[in-house]
Amino acid sequence: MILWMYTQPNSTTLTTPLGQWHASYSQDYEWAWRIHEPTQTLYHHHRHVWYEYRTLRQRLNNWLYSPHQVPQARIPADTTPVTPKLNKSSIVIALPIVPIIAADPAVPLPDHTLYQ
């Protein structure tokens, strides 16, 4: 996740390029937070253990989770990566949940990108 992006003055060109995407980036990177949408169960991978969080409340634009965690040996195979907002008394997942799909490495970059 990119939190800050520094560009050159009066430009959209990055001061330091991000680098090349690897063809296998979706297999090389493990997302720490995942959600199982059919059950609305949230999972967090921390120090080689998966933790499960149950839904506290459903809202129109988010799901709210209790910070109480339960260790799990494994998680369902059909989970989706998510980025939570962590509060003192809850964990929030914004809706809709957009699946992260691996990019097709055969597609070339456009002529004008932030990478150049």
N, C-alpha and C. Protein backbone atom coordinates (compact mmCIF):
# COMPACT_ATOMS: atom_id res chain seq x y z
N MET A 1 0.85 -1.16 0.00
CA MET A 1 0.00 0.00 0.00
C MET A 1 0.90 1.23 0.00
N ILE A 2 0.54 2.20 -0.79
CA ILE A 2 1.30 3.45 -0.85
C ILE A 2 0.56 4.48 -0.01
N LEU A 3 1.23 4.98 1.02
CA LEU A 3 0.61 5.99 1.89
C LEU A 3 0.94 7.40 1.43
N TRP A 4 2.16 7.62 0.97
CA TRP A 4 2.58 8.93 0.49
C TRP A 4 3.28 8.75 -0.85
N MET A 5 3.07 9.72 -1.71
CA MET A 5 3.70 9.67 -3.02
C MET A 5 4.38 11.02 -3.24
N TYR A 6 5.69 11.00 -3.38
CA TYR A 6 6.44 12.23 -3.57
C TYR A 6 6.75 12.42 -5.05
N THR A 7 6.33 13.56 -5.58
CA THR A 7 6.58 13.85 -6.99
C THR A 7 7.53 15.03 -7.12
N GLN A 8 8.06 15.15 -8.32
CA GLN A 8 8.94 16.28 -8.60
C GLN A 8 8.10 17.55 -8.66
N PRO A 9 8.69 18.73 -8.41
CA PRO A 9 7.93 19.98 -8.42
C PRO A 9 7.16 20.18 -9.74
N ASN A 10 5.90 20.58 -9.63
CA ASN A 10 5.03 20.86 -10.77
C ASN A 10 4.97 19.70 -11.76
N SER A 11 4.93 18.48 -11.23
CA SER A 11 4.96 17.31 -12.09
C SER A 11 4.23 16.15 -11.41
N THR A 12 3.87 15.16 -12.20
CA THR A 12 3.34 13.93 -11.64
C THR A 12 4.37 12.81 -11.69
N THR A 13 5.60 13.14 -12.04
CA THR A 13 6.68 12.15 -12.08
C THR A 13 7.19 11.89 -10.67
N LEU A 14 7.31 10.63 -10.32
CA LEU A 14 7.80 10.28 -8.99
C LEU A 14 9.27 10.65 -8.84
N THR A 15 9.64 11.08 -7.65
CA THR A 15 11.05 11.40 -7.40
C THR A 15 11.89 10.13 -7.39
N THR A 16 11.32 9.02 -6.92
CA THR A 16 11.98 7.72 -6.95
C THR A 16 11.00 6.72 -7.55
N PRO A 17 11.33 6.13 -8.71
CA PRO A 17 10.40 5.16 -9.33
C PRO A 17 10.10 3.99 -8.41
N LEU A 18 8.89 3.45 -8.54
CA LEU A 18 8.48 2.32 -7.72
C LEU A 18 9.22 1.04 -8.11
N GLY A 19 9.59 0.91 -9.35
CA GLY A 19 10.26 -0.30 -9.82
C GLY A 19 9.34 -1.12 -10.72
N GLN A 20 9.85 -2.20 -11.23
CA GLN A 20 9.09 -3.06 -12.14
C GLN A 20 8.19 -4.00 -11.36
N TRP A 21 6.99 -4.27 -11.90
CA TRP A 21 6.13 -5.31 -11.34
C TRP A 21 6.68 -6.64 -11.80
N HIS A 22 6.72 -7.59 -10.91
CA HIS A 22 7.15 -8.94 -11.26
C HIS A 22 5.94 -9.70 -11.76
N ALA A 23 6.16 -10.59 -12.72
CA ALA A 23 5.05 -11.36 -13.28
C ALA A 23 4.34 -12.19 -12.21
N SER A 24 5.04 -12.58 -11.17
CA SER A 24 4.44 -13.43 -10.12
C SER A 24 4.15 -12.66 -8.84
N TYR A 25 3.94 -11.33 -8.94
CA TYR A 25 3.77 -10.54 -7.71
C TYR A 25 2.58 -11.00 -6.88
N SER A 26 1.53 -11.50 -7.52
CA SER A 26 0.35 -11.92 -6.76
C SER A 26 0.62 -13.18 -5.94
N GLN A 27 1.61 -13.97 -6.33
CA GLN A 27 1.97 -15.16 -5.55
C GLN A 27 3.08 -14.85 -4.55
N ASP A 28 3.89 -13.82 -4.81
CA ASP A 28 5.02 -13.50 -3.95
C ASP A 28 4.62 -12.71 -2.70
N TYR A 29 3.48 -12.05 -2.76
CA TYR A 29 3.09 -11.16 -1.67
C TYR A 29 1.93 -11.77 -0.90
N GLU A 30 2.01 -11.78 0.40
CA GLU A 30 0.91 -12.26 1.23
C GLU A 30 0.22 -11.09 1.89
N TRP A 31 -1.07 -10.98 1.67
CA TRP A 31 -1.87 -9.90 2.24
C TRP A 31 -2.20 -10.26 3.68
N ALA A 32 -1.95 -9.38 4.64
CA ALA A 32 -2.14 -9.68 6.06
C ALA A 32 -3.61 -9.73 6.47
N TRP A 33 -4.47 -8.98 5.80
CA TRP A 33 -5.90 -8.95 6.14
C TRP A 33 -6.69 -9.52 4.98
N ARG A 34 -7.59 -10.45 5.29
CA ARG A 34 -8.43 -11.06 4.26
C ARG A 34 -9.85 -11.21 4.82
N ILE A 35 -10.81 -11.27 3.93
CA ILE A 35 -12.21 -11.42 4.36
C ILE A 35 -12.86 -12.55 3.59
N HIS A 36 -13.71 -13.29 4.29
CA HIS A 36 -14.52 -14.33 3.66
C HIS A 36 -15.92 -13.75 3.55
N GLU A 37 -16.25 -13.29 2.35
CA GLU A 37 -17.50 -12.54 2.17
C GLU A 37 -18.77 -13.33 2.47
N PRO A 38 -18.86 -14.63 2.10
CA PRO A 38 -20.12 -15.35 2.40
C PRO A 38 -20.45 -15.36 3.89
N THR A 39 -19.44 -15.43 4.75
CA THR A 39 -19.70 -15.45 6.20
C THR A 39 -19.39 -14.10 6.86
N GLN A 40 -18.86 -13.16 6.11
CA GLN A 40 -18.43 -11.84 6.59
C GLN A 40 -17.38 -11.95 7.69
N THR A 41 -16.59 -12.99 7.67
CA THR A 41 -15.55 -13.20 8.68
C THR A 41 -14.26 -12.55 8.21
N LEU A 42 -13.64 -11.80 9.11
CA LEU A 42 -12.38 -11.11 8.83
C LEU A 42 -11.24 -11.91 9.42
N TYR A 43 -10.12 -11.99 8.68
CA TYR A 43 -8.94 -12.72 9.14
C TYR A 43 -7.72 -11.81 9.08
N HIS A 44 -6.83 -11.98 10.05
CA HIS A 44 -5.58 -11.22 10.10
C HIS A 44 -4.43 -12.18 10.33
N HIS A 45 -3.40 -12.09 9.48
CA HIS A 45 -2.22 -12.95 9.61
C HIS A 45 -1.14 -12.16 10.33
N HIS A 46 -0.74 -12.65 11.51
CA HIS A 46 0.26 -11.95 12.32
C HIS A 46 1.16 -12.97 13.00
N ARG A 47 2.45 -12.83 12.79
CA ARG A 47 3.45 -13.73 13.39
C ARG A 47 3.12 -15.20 13.17
N HIS A 48 2.87 -15.56 11.93
CA HIS A 48 2.64 -16.94 11.49
C HIS A 48 1.35 -17.55 12.01
N VAL A 49 0.42 -16.73 12.50
CA VAL A 49 -0.88 -17.22 12.99
C VAL A 49 -1.98 -16.41 12.34
N TRP A 50 -3.05 -17.09 11.93
CA TRP A 50 -4.25 -16.41 11.45
C TRP A 50 -5.18 -16.17 12.63
N TYR A 51 -5.75 -14.97 12.68
CA TYR A 51 -6.73 -14.62 13.71
C TYR A 51 -8.06 -14.30 13.03
N GLU A 52 -9.14 -14.71 13.68
CA GLU A 52 -10.48 -14.51 13.13
C GLU A 52 -11.21 -13.44 13.93
N TYR A 53 -11.97 -12.61 13.22
CA TYR A 53 -12.78 -11.54 13.83
C TYR A 53 -14.21 -11.69 13.32
N ARG A 54 -15.16 -11.57 14.21
CA ARG A 54 -16.58 -11.69 13.85
C ARG A 54 -17.22 -10.30 13.70
N THR A 55 -18.22 -10.25 12.84
CA THR A 55 -18.93 -9.00 12.58
C THR A 55 -19.71 -8.53 13.81
N LEU A 56 -19.54 -7.25 14.14
CA LEU A 56 -20.33 -6.63 15.21
C LEU A 56 -21.61 -6.04 14.65
N ARG A 57 -21.44 -5.34 13.53
CA ARG A 57 -22.57 -4.59 12.97
C ARG A 57 -22.37 -4.42 11.47
N GLN A 58 -23.48 -4.48 10.75
CA GLN A 58 -23.47 -4.22 9.31
C GLN A 58 -24.08 -2.86 9.07
N ARG A 59 -23.41 -2.07 8.28
CA ARG A 59 -23.95 -0.77 7.86
C ARG A 59 -24.01 -0.76 6.35
N LEU A 60 -24.63 0.26 5.82
CA LEU A 60 -24.78 0.36 4.38
C LEU A 60 -23.42 0.47 3.68
N ASN A 61 -22.49 1.20 4.28
CA ASN A 61 -21.20 1.44 3.62
C ASN A 61 -20.01 0.78 4.30
N ASN A 62 -20.22 -0.01 5.36
CA ASN A 62 -19.10 -0.72 5.98
C ASN A 62 -19.58 -1.85 6.88
N TRP A 63 -18.63 -2.72 7.23
CA TRP A 63 -18.84 -3.77 8.23
C TRP A 63 -17.96 -3.44 9.40
N LEU A 64 -18.50 -3.57 10.59
CA LEU A 64 -17.79 -3.27 11.83
C LEU A 64 -17.46 -4.58 12.54
N TYR A 65 -16.21 -4.70 13.01
CA TYR A 65 -15.75 -5.92 13.68
C TYR A 65 -15.26 -5.61 15.08
N SER A 66 -15.44 -6.59 15.96
CA SER A 66 -14.90 -6.50 17.31
C SER A 66 -13.39 -6.70 17.26
N PRO A 67 -12.63 -6.01 18.11
CA PRO A 67 -11.19 -6.23 18.12
C PRO A 67 -10.80 -7.57 18.78
N HIS A 68 -11.79 -8.28 19.34
CA HIS A 68 -11.52 -9.59 19.95
C HIS A 68 -11.15 -10.59 18.86
N GLN A 69 -10.00 -11.23 19.00
CA GLN A 69 -9.51 -12.16 17.99
C GLN A 69 -9.44 -13.58 18.51
N VAL A 70 -9.65 -14.54 17.60
CA VAL A 70 -9.59 -15.95 17.94
C VAL A 70 -8.60 -16.61 16.98
N PRO A 71 -7.54 -17.26 17.50
CA PRO A 71 -6.56 -17.90 16.62
C PRO A 71 -7.21 -19.03 15.80
N GLN A 72 -6.77 -19.17 14.56
CA GLN A 72 -7.28 -20.20 13.67
C GLN A 72 -6.11 -20.94 13.02
N ALA A 73 -6.26 -22.23 12.81
CA ALA A 73 -5.21 -23.01 12.16
C ALA A 73 -5.13 -22.69 10.67
N ARG A 74 -6.28 -22.43 10.05
CA ARG A 74 -6.31 -22.10 8.61
C ARG A 74 -7.54 -21.26 8.32
N ILE A 75 -7.55 -20.69 7.13
CA ILE A 75 -8.68 -19.86 6.72
C ILE A 75 -9.28 -20.44 5.44
N PRO A 76 -10.52 -20.07 5.10
CA PRO A 76 -11.12 -20.57 3.85
C PRO A 76 -10.29 -20.14 2.63
N ALA A 77 -10.34 -20.95 1.60
CA ALA A 77 -9.56 -20.68 0.39
C ALA A 77 -10.09 -19.47 -0.39
N ASP A 78 -11.38 -19.20 -0.30
CA ASP A 78 -11.99 -18.14 -1.12
C ASP A 78 -12.10 -16.81 -0.38
N THR A 79 -10.99 -16.37 0.22
CA THR A 79 -10.98 -15.07 0.89
C THR A 79 -10.47 -14.00 -0.06
N THR A 80 -10.79 -12.76 0.26
CA THR A 80 -10.41 -11.61 -0.56
C THR A 80 -9.53 -10.67 0.27
N PRO A 81 -8.42 -10.16 -0.29
CA PRO A 81 -7.60 -9.19 0.44
C PRO A 81 -8.39 -7.91 0.71
N VAL A 82 -8.22 -7.35 1.92
CA VAL A 82 -8.86 -6.09 2.29
C VAL A 82 -7.88 -5.25 3.11
N THR A 83 -8.18 -3.96 3.19
CA THR A 83 -7.41 -3.05 4.03
C THR A 83 -8.35 -2.46 5.06
N PRO A 84 -8.18 -2.83 6.34
CA PRO A 84 -9.09 -2.34 7.37
C PRO A 84 -8.69 -0.98 7.91
N LYS A 85 -9.64 -0.33 8.52
CA LYS A 85 -9.37 0.88 9.31
C LYS A 85 -9.44 0.43 10.76
N LEU A 86 -8.34 0.59 11.49
CA LEU A 86 -8.26 0.12 12.87
C LEU A 86 -8.57 1.26 13.84
N ASN A 87 -9.59 1.08 14.66
CA ASN A 87 -9.95 2.03 15.70
C ASN A 87 -9.68 1.38 17.06
N LYS A 88 -9.79 2.14 18.14
CA LYS A 88 -9.55 1.59 19.47
C LYS A 88 -10.55 0.49 19.84
N SER A 89 -11.80 0.66 19.45
CA SER A 89 -12.83 -0.28 19.87
C SER A 89 -13.42 -1.11 18.74
N SER A 90 -12.92 -0.93 17.51
CA SER A 90 -13.48 -1.69 16.40
C SER A 90 -12.52 -1.72 15.21
N ILE A 91 -12.86 -2.57 14.27
CA ILE A 91 -12.16 -2.68 12.99
C ILE A 91 -13.21 -2.45 11.92
N VAL A 92 -12.92 -1.58 10.96
CA VAL A 92 -13.91 -1.22 9.94
C VAL A 92 -13.42 -1.66 8.57
N ILE A 93 -14.31 -2.32 7.82
CA ILE A 93 -14.05 -2.69 6.43
C ILE A 93 -15.04 -1.91 5.58
N ALA A 94 -14.51 -1.07 4.70
CA ALA A 94 -15.37 -0.26 3.82
C ALA A 94 -16.01 -1.14 2.75
N LEU A 95 -17.24 -0.81 2.40
CA LEU A 95 -17.96 -1.49 1.33
C LEU A 95 -18.12 -0.55 0.14
N PRO A 96 -18.15 -1.06 -1.06
CA PRO A 96 -18.07 -2.46 -1.43
C PRO A 96 -16.63 -2.97 -1.36
N ILE A 97 -16.47 -4.27 -1.20
CA ILE A 97 -15.16 -4.88 -1.18
C ILE A 97 -14.77 -5.16 -2.63
N VAL A 98 -13.67 -4.57 -3.05
CA VAL A 98 -13.22 -4.71 -4.43
C VAL A 98 -12.14 -5.79 -4.48
N PRO A 99 -12.38 -6.86 -5.25
CA PRO A 99 -11.36 -7.90 -5.32
C PRO A 99 -10.09 -7.40 -6.00
N ILE A 100 -8.95 -7.87 -5.52
CA ILE A 100 -7.67 -7.52 -6.13
C ILE A 100 -7.32 -8.62 -7.10
N ILE A 101 -7.25 -8.25 -8.36
CA ILE A 101 -7.00 -9.22 -9.42
C ILE A 101 -5.60 -9.00 -9.96
N ALA A 102 -4.87 -10.08 -10.16
CA ALA A 102 -3.51 -9.98 -10.70
C ALA A 102 -3.57 -9.39 -12.10
N ALA A 103 -2.70 -8.44 -12.36
CA ALA A 103 -2.63 -7.82 -13.68
C ALA A 103 -2.04 -8.80 -14.69
N ASP A 104 -2.46 -8.68 -15.92
CA ASP A 104 -1.91 -9.50 -16.99
C ASP A 104 -0.54 -8.95 -17.35
N PRO A 105 0.54 -9.70 -17.09
CA PRO A 105 1.88 -9.16 -17.36
C PRO A 105 2.14 -8.94 -18.84
N ALA A 106 1.29 -9.50 -19.72
CA ALA A 106 1.50 -9.32 -21.16
C ALA A 106 1.04 -7.94 -21.63
N VAL A 107 0.27 -7.23 -20.82
CA VAL A 107 -0.23 -5.92 -21.21
C VAL A 107 0.88 -4.89 -20.99
N PRO A 108 1.31 -4.18 -22.04
CA PRO A 108 2.38 -3.18 -21.85
C PRO A 108 1.87 -1.93 -21.13
N LEU A 109 2.77 -1.23 -20.48
CA LEU A 109 2.42 0.02 -19.82
C LEU A 109 2.10 1.08 -20.86
N PRO A 110 1.20 2.01 -20.58
CA PRO A 110 0.93 3.11 -21.50
C PRO A 110 2.19 3.98 -21.66
N ASP A 111 2.20 4.80 -22.71
CA ASP A 111 3.38 5.66 -22.98
C ASP A 111 3.66 6.62 -21.85
N HIS A 112 2.63 7.21 -21.24
CA HIS A 112 2.82 8.21 -20.19
C HIS A 112 2.30 7.66 -18.87
N THR A 113 3.19 7.24 -18.02
CA THR A 113 2.80 6.73 -16.71
C THR A 113 3.62 7.43 -15.64
N LEU A 114 3.23 7.25 -14.40
CA LEU A 114 3.98 7.81 -13.30
C LEU A 114 5.35 7.14 -13.17
N TYR A 115 5.49 5.96 -13.77
CA TYR A 115 6.75 5.23 -13.65
C TYR A 115 7.86 5.90 -14.46
N GLN A 116 7.51 6.54 -15.57
CA GLN A 116 8.53 7.09 -16.46
C GLN A 116 9.18 8.33 -15.90
